[in-house]
Amino acid sequence: ITRAAEKHKRQAVVLVDEYDKPIL
């Protein structure tokens, strides 16, 4: 997260799909 923001000089975006599937 931090290095992506530094590299691209913009805050990062995090998108998580099926966050719970390993539990279900």
PDB file of all heavy atoms in Angstrom:
ATOM      1  N   ILE A   1       0.836  -1.205   0.000  1.00  0.00           N
ATOM      2  CA  ILE A   1       0.000   0.000   0.000  1.00  0.00           C
ATOM      3  C   ILE A   1       0.871   1.256   0.000  1.00  0.00           C
ATOM      4  O   ILE A   1       0.698   2.172  -0.823  1.00  0.00           O
ATOM      5  CB  ILE A   1      -0.948  -0.011   1.218  1.00  0.00           C
ATOM      6  CG1 ILE A   1      -1.972  -1.146   1.096  1.00  0.00           C
ATOM      7  CG2 ILE A   1      -1.654   1.336   1.361  1.00  0.00           C
ATOM      8  CD1 ILE A   1      -2.793  -1.370   2.352  1.00  0.00           C
ATOM      9  N   THR A   2       1.820   1.308   0.926  1.00  0.00           N
ATOM     10  CA  THR A   2       2.652   2.507   1.077  1.00  0.00           C
ATOM     11  C   THR A   2       3.541   2.734  -0.143  1.00  0.00           C
ATOM     12  O   THR A   2       3.643   3.858  -0.662  1.00  0.00           O
ATOM     13  CB  THR A   2       3.512   2.391   2.339  1.00  0.00           C
ATOM     14  OG1 THR A   2       2.652   2.320   3.480  1.00  0.00           O
ATOM     15  CG2 THR A   2       4.437   3.587   2.492  1.00  0.00           C
ATOM     16  N   ARG A   3       4.185   1.686  -0.617  1.00  0.00           N
ATOM     17  CA  ARG A   3       5.106   1.856  -1.741  1.00  0.00           C
ATOM     18  C   ARG A   3       4.375   2.130  -3.056  1.00  0.00           C
ATOM     19  O   ARG A   3       4.904   2.832  -3.929  1.00  0.00           O
ATOM     20  CB  ARG A   3       5.997   0.614  -1.860  1.00  0.00           C
ATOM     21  CG  ARG A   3       6.964   0.518  -0.682  1.00  0.00           C
ATOM     22  CD  ARG A   3       7.869  -0.689  -0.759  1.00  0.00           C
ATOM     23  NE  ARG A   3       8.782  -0.703   0.393  1.00  0.00           N
ATOM     24  CZ  ARG A   3       9.683  -1.638   0.629  1.00  0.00           C
ATOM     25  NH1 ARG A   3       9.810  -2.661  -0.216  1.00  0.00           N
ATOM     26  NH2 ARG A   3      10.468  -1.568   1.703  1.00  0.00           N
ATOM     27  N   ALA A   4       3.157   1.584  -3.195  1.00  0.00           N
ATOM     28  CA  ALA A   4       2.371   1.909  -4.391  1.00  0.00           C
ATOM     29  C   ALA A   4       1.999   3.383  -4.397  1.00  0.00           C
ATOM     30  O   ALA A   4       2.058   4.051  -5.440  1.00  0.00           O
ATOM     31  CB  ALA A   4       1.110   1.039  -4.440  1.00  0.00           C
ATOM     32  N   ALA A   5       1.607   3.900  -3.232  1.00  0.00           N
ATOM     33  CA  ALA A   5       1.264   5.324  -3.128  1.00  0.00           C
ATOM     34  C   ALA A   5       2.491   6.200  -3.417  1.00  0.00           C
ATOM     35  O   ALA A   5       2.399   7.224  -4.106  1.00  0.00           O
ATOM     36  CB  ALA A   5       0.709   5.622  -1.739  1.00  0.00           C
ATOM     37  N   GLU A   6       3.631   5.806  -2.888  1.00  0.00           N
ATOM     38  CA  GLU A   6       4.862   6.580  -3.117  1.00  0.00           C
ATOM     39  C   GLU A   6       5.281   6.516  -4.582  1.00  0.00           C
ATOM     40  O   GLU A   6       5.662   7.530  -5.171  1.00  0.00           O
ATOM     41  CB  GLU A   6       5.981   6.026  -2.231  1.00  0.00           C
ATOM     42  CG  GLU A   6       5.776   6.283  -0.739  1.00  0.00           C
ATOM     43  CD  GLU A   6       6.804   5.575   0.114  1.00  0.00           C
ATOM     44  OE1 GLU A   6       7.534   4.703  -0.435  1.00  0.00           O
ATOM     45  OE2 GLU A   6       6.864   5.866   1.323  1.00  0.00           O
ATOM     46  N   LYS A   7       5.250   5.330  -5.174  1.00  0.00           N
ATOM     47  CA  LYS A   7       5.675   5.143  -6.555  1.00  0.00           C
ATOM     48  C   LYS A   7       4.819   5.958  -7.527  1.00  0.00           C
ATOM     49  O   LYS A   7       5.332   6.593  -8.459  1.00  0.00           O
ATOM     50  CB  LYS A   7       5.588   3.656  -6.910  1.00  0.00           C
ATOM     51  CG  LYS A   7       5.739   3.312  -8.380  1.00  0.00           C
ATOM     52  CD  LYS A   7       7.166   3.377  -8.831  1.00  0.00           C
ATOM     53  CE  LYS A   7       7.296   2.914 -10.285  1.00  0.00           C
ATOM     54  NZ  LYS A   7       8.691   3.008 -10.772  1.00  0.00           N
ATOM     55  N   HIS A   8       3.509   5.937  -7.324  1.00  0.00           N
ATOM     56  CA  HIS A   8       2.598   6.578  -8.271  1.00  0.00           C
ATOM     57  C   HIS A   8       2.168   7.978  -7.842  1.00  0.00           C
ATOM     58  O   HIS A   8       1.379   8.617  -8.534  1.00  0.00           O
ATOM     59  CB  HIS A   8       1.372   5.682  -8.480  1.00  0.00           C
ATOM     60  CG  HIS A   8       1.719   4.355  -9.105  1.00  0.00           C
ATOM     61  ND1 HIS A   8       1.737   4.164 -10.463  1.00  0.00           N
ATOM     62  CD2 HIS A   8       2.094   3.171  -8.550  1.00  0.00           C
ATOM     63  CE1 HIS A   8       2.089   2.898 -10.724  1.00  0.00           C
ATOM     64  NE2 HIS A   8       2.311   2.287  -9.582  1.00  0.00           N
ATOM     65  N   LYS A   9       2.690   8.386  -6.678  1.00  0.00           N
ATOM     66  CA  LYS A   9       2.419   9.738  -6.168  1.00  0.00           C
ATOM     67  C   LYS A   9       0.920  10.028  -6.040  1.00  0.00           C
ATOM     68  O   LYS A   9       0.463  11.153  -6.211  1.00  0.00           O
ATOM     69  CB  LYS A   9       3.104  10.793  -7.045  1.00  0.00           C
ATOM     70  CG  LYS A   9       4.624  10.691  -7.029  1.00  0.00           C
ATOM     71  CD  LYS A   9       5.257  11.744  -7.914  1.00  0.00           C
ATOM     72  CE  LYS A   9       6.780  11.755  -7.759  1.00  0.00           C
ATOM     73  NZ  LYS A   9       7.416  10.441  -7.920  1.00  0.00           N
ATOM     74  N   ARG A  10       0.189   8.978  -5.757  1.00  0.00           N
ATOM     75  CA  ARG A  10      -1.255   9.080  -5.495  1.00  0.00           C
ATOM     76  C   ARG A  10      -1.602   8.058  -4.427  1.00  0.00           C
ATOM     77  O   ARG A  10      -0.993   6.983  -4.350  1.00  0.00           O
ATOM     78  CB  ARG A  10      -2.077   8.759  -6.749  1.00  0.00           C
ATOM     79  CG  ARG A  10      -1.888   9.729  -7.904  1.00  0.00           C
ATOM     80  CD  ARG A  10      -2.773  10.936  -7.773  1.00  0.00           C
ATOM     81  NE  ARG A  10      -2.659  11.808  -8.926  1.00  0.00           N
ATOM     82  CZ  ARG A  10      -3.284  12.962  -9.053  1.00  0.00           C
ATOM     83  NH1 ARG A  10      -4.089  13.367  -8.086  1.00  0.00           N
ATOM     84  NH2 ARG A  10      -3.132  13.705 -10.123  1.00  0.00           N
ATOM     85  N   GLN A  11      -2.612   8.369  -3.623  1.00  0.00           N
ATOM     86  CA  GLN A  11      -3.070   7.380  -2.652  1.00  0.00           C
ATOM     87  C   GLN A  11      -3.570   6.124  -3.372  1.00  0.00           C
ATOM     88  O   GLN A  11      -4.091   6.196  -4.483  1.00  0.00           O
ATOM     89  CB  GLN A  11      -4.195   7.960  -1.799  1.00  0.00           C
ATOM     90  CG  GLN A  11      -3.760   9.018  -0.790  1.00  0.00           C
ATOM     91  CD  GLN A  11      -4.944   9.595  -0.053  1.00  0.00           C
ATOM     92  OE1 GLN A  11      -5.899  10.078  -0.670  1.00  0.00           O
ATOM     93  NE2 GLN A  11      -4.896   9.525   1.271  1.00  0.00           N
ATOM     94  N   ALA A  12      -3.418   4.987  -2.727  1.00  0.00           N
ATOM     95  CA  ALA A  12      -3.806   3.712  -3.321  1.00  0.00           C
ATOM     96  C   ALA A  12      -5.285   3.415  -3.105  1.00  0.00           C
ATOM     97  O   ALA A  12      -5.935   3.966  -2.198  1.00  0.00           O
ATOM     98  CB  ALA A  12      -2.958   2.583  -2.746  1.00  0.00           C
ATOM     99  N   VAL A  13      -5.806   2.525  -3.928  1.00  0.00           N
ATOM    100  CA  VAL A  13      -7.169   2.019  -3.821  1.00  0.00           C
ATOM    101  C   VAL A  13      -7.079   0.515  -3.587  1.00  0.00           C
ATOM    102  O   VAL A  13      -6.332  -0.179  -4.286  1.00  0.00           O
ATOM    103  CB  VAL A  13      -7.974   2.316  -5.097  1.00  0.00           C
ATOM    104  CG1 VAL A  13      -9.317   1.587  -5.083  1.00  0.00           C
ATOM    105  CG2 VAL A  13      -8.175   3.821  -5.264  1.00  0.00           C
ATOM    106  N   VAL A  14      -7.818   0.000  -2.606  1.00  0.00           N
ATOM    107  CA  VAL A  14      -7.823  -1.434  -2.319  1.00  0.00           C
ATOM    108  C   VAL A  14      -9.224  -1.980  -2.564  1.00  0.00           C
ATOM    109  O   VAL A  14     -10.206  -1.486  -1.991  1.00  0.00           O
ATOM    110  CB  VAL A  14      -7.388  -1.722  -0.863  1.00  0.00           C
ATOM    111  CG1 VAL A  14      -7.554  -3.212  -0.551  1.00  0.00           C
ATOM    112  CG2 VAL A  14      -5.943  -1.297  -0.648  1.00  0.00           C
ATOM    113  N   LEU A  15      -9.317  -2.998  -3.413  1.00  0.00           N
ATOM    114  CA  LEU A  15     -10.591  -3.637  -3.748  1.00  0.00           C
ATOM    115  C   LEU A  15     -10.488  -5.126  -3.437  1.00  0.00           C
ATOM    116  O   LEU A  15      -9.594  -5.811  -3.941  1.00  0.00           O
ATOM    117  CB  LEU A  15     -10.916  -3.439  -5.235  1.00  0.00           C
ATOM    118  CG  LEU A  15     -10.919  -1.983  -5.740  1.00  0.00           C
ATOM    119  CD1 LEU A  15     -11.144  -1.947  -7.248  1.00  0.00           C
ATOM    120  CD2 LEU A  15     -11.978  -1.164  -5.013  1.00  0.00           C
ATOM    121  N   VAL A  16     -11.389  -5.613  -2.595  1.00  0.00           N
ATOM    122  CA  VAL A  16     -11.348  -7.009  -2.155  1.00  0.00           C
ATOM    123  C   VAL A  16     -12.645  -7.707  -2.574  1.00  0.00           C
ATOM    124  O   VAL A  16     -13.733  -7.298  -2.173  1.00  0.00           O
ATOM    125  CB  VAL A  16     -11.167  -7.117  -0.626  1.00  0.00           C
ATOM    126  CG1 VAL A  16     -11.054  -8.588  -0.216  1.00  0.00           C
ATOM    127  CG2 VAL A  16      -9.941  -6.329  -0.163  1.00  0.00           C
ATOM    128  N   ASP A  17     -12.509  -8.767  -3.365  1.00  0.00           N
ATOM    129  CA  ASP A  17     -13.661  -9.532  -3.847  1.00  0.00           C
ATOM    130  C   ASP A  17     -13.730 -10.878  -3.130  1.00  0.00           C
ATOM    131  O   ASP A  17     -12.701 -11.549  -2.954  1.00  0.00           O
ATOM    132  CB  ASP A  17     -13.533  -9.748  -5.357  1.00  0.00           C
ATOM    133  CG  ASP A  17     -14.839 -10.202  -5.987  1.00  0.00           C
ATOM    134  OD1 ASP A  17     -15.892 -10.079  -5.335  1.00  0.00           O
ATOM    135  OD2 ASP A  17     -14.802 -10.672  -7.143  1.00  0.00           O
ATOM    136  N   GLU A  18     -14.957 -11.273  -2.743  1.00  0.00           N
ATOM    137  CA  GLU A  18     -15.172 -12.537  -2.022  1.00  0.00           C
ATOM    138  C   GLU A  18     -14.255 -12.622  -0.802  1.00  0.00           C
ATOM    139  O   GLU A  18     -13.566 -13.629  -0.591  1.00  0.00           O
ATOM    140  CB  GLU A  18     -14.942 -13.734  -2.960  1.00  0.00           C
ATOM    141  CG  GLU A  18     -15.811 -13.725  -4.205  1.00  0.00           C
ATOM    142  CD  GLU A  18     -17.283 -14.005  -3.924  1.00  0.00           C
ATOM    143  OE1 GLU A  18     -17.627 -14.268  -2.758  1.00  0.00           O
ATOM    144  OE2 GLU A  18     -18.088 -13.942  -4.868  1.00  0.00           O
ATOM    145  N   TYR A  19     -14.289 -11.569  -0.001  1.00  0.00           N
ATOM    146  CA  TYR A  19     -13.415 -11.460   1.165  1.00  0.00           C
ATOM    147  C   TYR A  19     -13.589 -12.624   2.147  1.00  0.00           C
ATOM    148  O   TYR A  19     -12.691 -12.954   2.918  1.00  0.00           O
ATOM    149  CB  TYR A  19     -13.705 -10.152   1.908  1.00  0.00           C
ATOM    150  CG  TYR A  19     -14.851 -10.247   2.880  1.00  0.00           C
ATOM    151  CD1 TYR A  19     -14.630 -10.388   4.237  1.00  0.00           C
ATOM    152  CD2 TYR A  19     -16.176 -10.248   2.437  1.00  0.00           C
ATOM    153  CE1 TYR A  19     -15.685 -10.515   5.140  1.00  0.00           C
ATOM    154  CE2 TYR A  19     -17.226 -10.375   3.323  1.00  0.00           C
ATOM    155  CZ  TYR A  19     -16.969 -10.501   4.672  1.00  0.00           C
ATOM    156  OH  TYR A  19     -18.015 -10.638   5.562  1.00  0.00           O
ATOM    157  N   ASP A  20     -14.757 -13.285   2.114  1.00  0.00           N
ATOM    158  CA  ASP A  20     -15.117 -14.286   3.110  1.00  0.00           C
ATOM    159  C   ASP A  20     -15.105 -15.717   2.587  1.00  0.00           C
ATOM    160  O   ASP A  20     -15.323 -16.662   3.342  1.00  0.00           O
ATOM    161  CB  ASP A  20     -16.526 -13.993   3.636  1.00  0.00           C
ATOM    162  CG  ASP A  20     -17.551 -13.858   2.502  1.00  0.00           C
ATOM    163  OD1 ASP A  20     -17.139 -13.764   1.327  1.00  0.00           O
ATOM    164  OD2 ASP A  20     -18.758 -13.829   2.791  1.00  0.00           O
ATOM    165  N   LYS A  21     -14.825 -15.919   1.308  1.00  0.00           N
ATOM    166  CA  LYS A  21     -14.977 -17.250   0.714  1.00  0.00           C
ATOM    167  C   LYS A  21     -14.110 -18.319   1.391  1.00  0.00           C
ATOM    168  O   LYS A  21     -14.572 -19.456   1.571  1.00  0.00           O
ATOM    169  CB  LYS A  21     -14.678 -17.191  -0.777  1.00  0.00           C
ATOM    170  CG  LYS A  21     -15.015 -18.485  -1.518  1.00  0.00           C
ATOM    171  CD  LYS A  21     -14.892 -18.313  -3.023  1.00  0.00           C
ATOM    172  CE  LYS A  21     -15.270 -19.601  -3.745  1.00  0.00           C
ATOM    173  NZ  LYS A  21     -14.298 -20.678  -3.524  1.00  0.00           N
ATOM    174  N   PRO A  22     -12.861 -18.036   1.770  1.00  0.00           N
ATOM    175  CA  PRO A  22     -12.083 -19.085   2.450  1.00  0.00           C
ATOM    176  C   PRO A  22     -12.741 -19.586   3.740  1.00  0.00           C
ATOM    177  O   PRO A  22     -12.564 -20.750   4.106  1.00  0.00           O
ATOM    178  CB  PRO A  22     -10.741 -18.395   2.740  1.00  0.00           C
ATOM    179  CG  PRO A  22     -10.632 -17.339   1.690  1.00  0.00           C
ATOM    180  CD  PRO A  22     -12.027 -16.844   1.496  1.00  0.00           C
ATOM    181  N   ILE A  23     -13.499 -18.719   4.401  1.00  0.00           N
ATOM    182  CA  ILE A  23     -14.215 -19.144   5.614  1.00  0.00           C
ATOM    183  C   ILE A  23     -15.459 -19.936   5.236  1.00  0.00           C
ATOM    184  O   ILE A  23     -15.702 -21.025   5.764  1.00  0.00           O
ATOM    185  CB  ILE A  23     -14.606 -17.932   6.479  1.00  0.00           C
ATOM    186  CG1 ILE A  23     -13.385 -17.063   6.802  1.00  0.00           C
ATOM    187  CG2 ILE A  23     -15.286 -18.392   7.770  1.00  0.00           C
ATOM    188  CD1 ILE A  23     -13.718 -15.778   7.519  1.00  0.00           C
ATOM    189  N   LEU A  24     -16.260 -19.393   4.326  1.00  0.00           N
ATOM    190  CA  LEU A  24     -17.516 -20.042   3.942  1.00  0.00           C
ATOM    191  C   LEU A  24     -17.286 -21.437   3.377  1.00  0.00           C
ATOM    192  O   LEU A  24     -18.090 -22.344   3.610  1.00  0.00           O
ATOM    193  CB  LEU A  24     -18.258 -19.180   2.915  1.00  0.00           C
ATOM    194  CG  LEU A  24     -18.717 -17.797   3.376  1.00  0.00           C
ATOM    195  CD1 LEU A  24     -19.444 -17.086   2.254  1.00  0.00           C
ATOM    196  CD2 LEU A  24     -19.588 -17.884   4.609  1.00  0.00           C
TER     197      LEU A  24
END
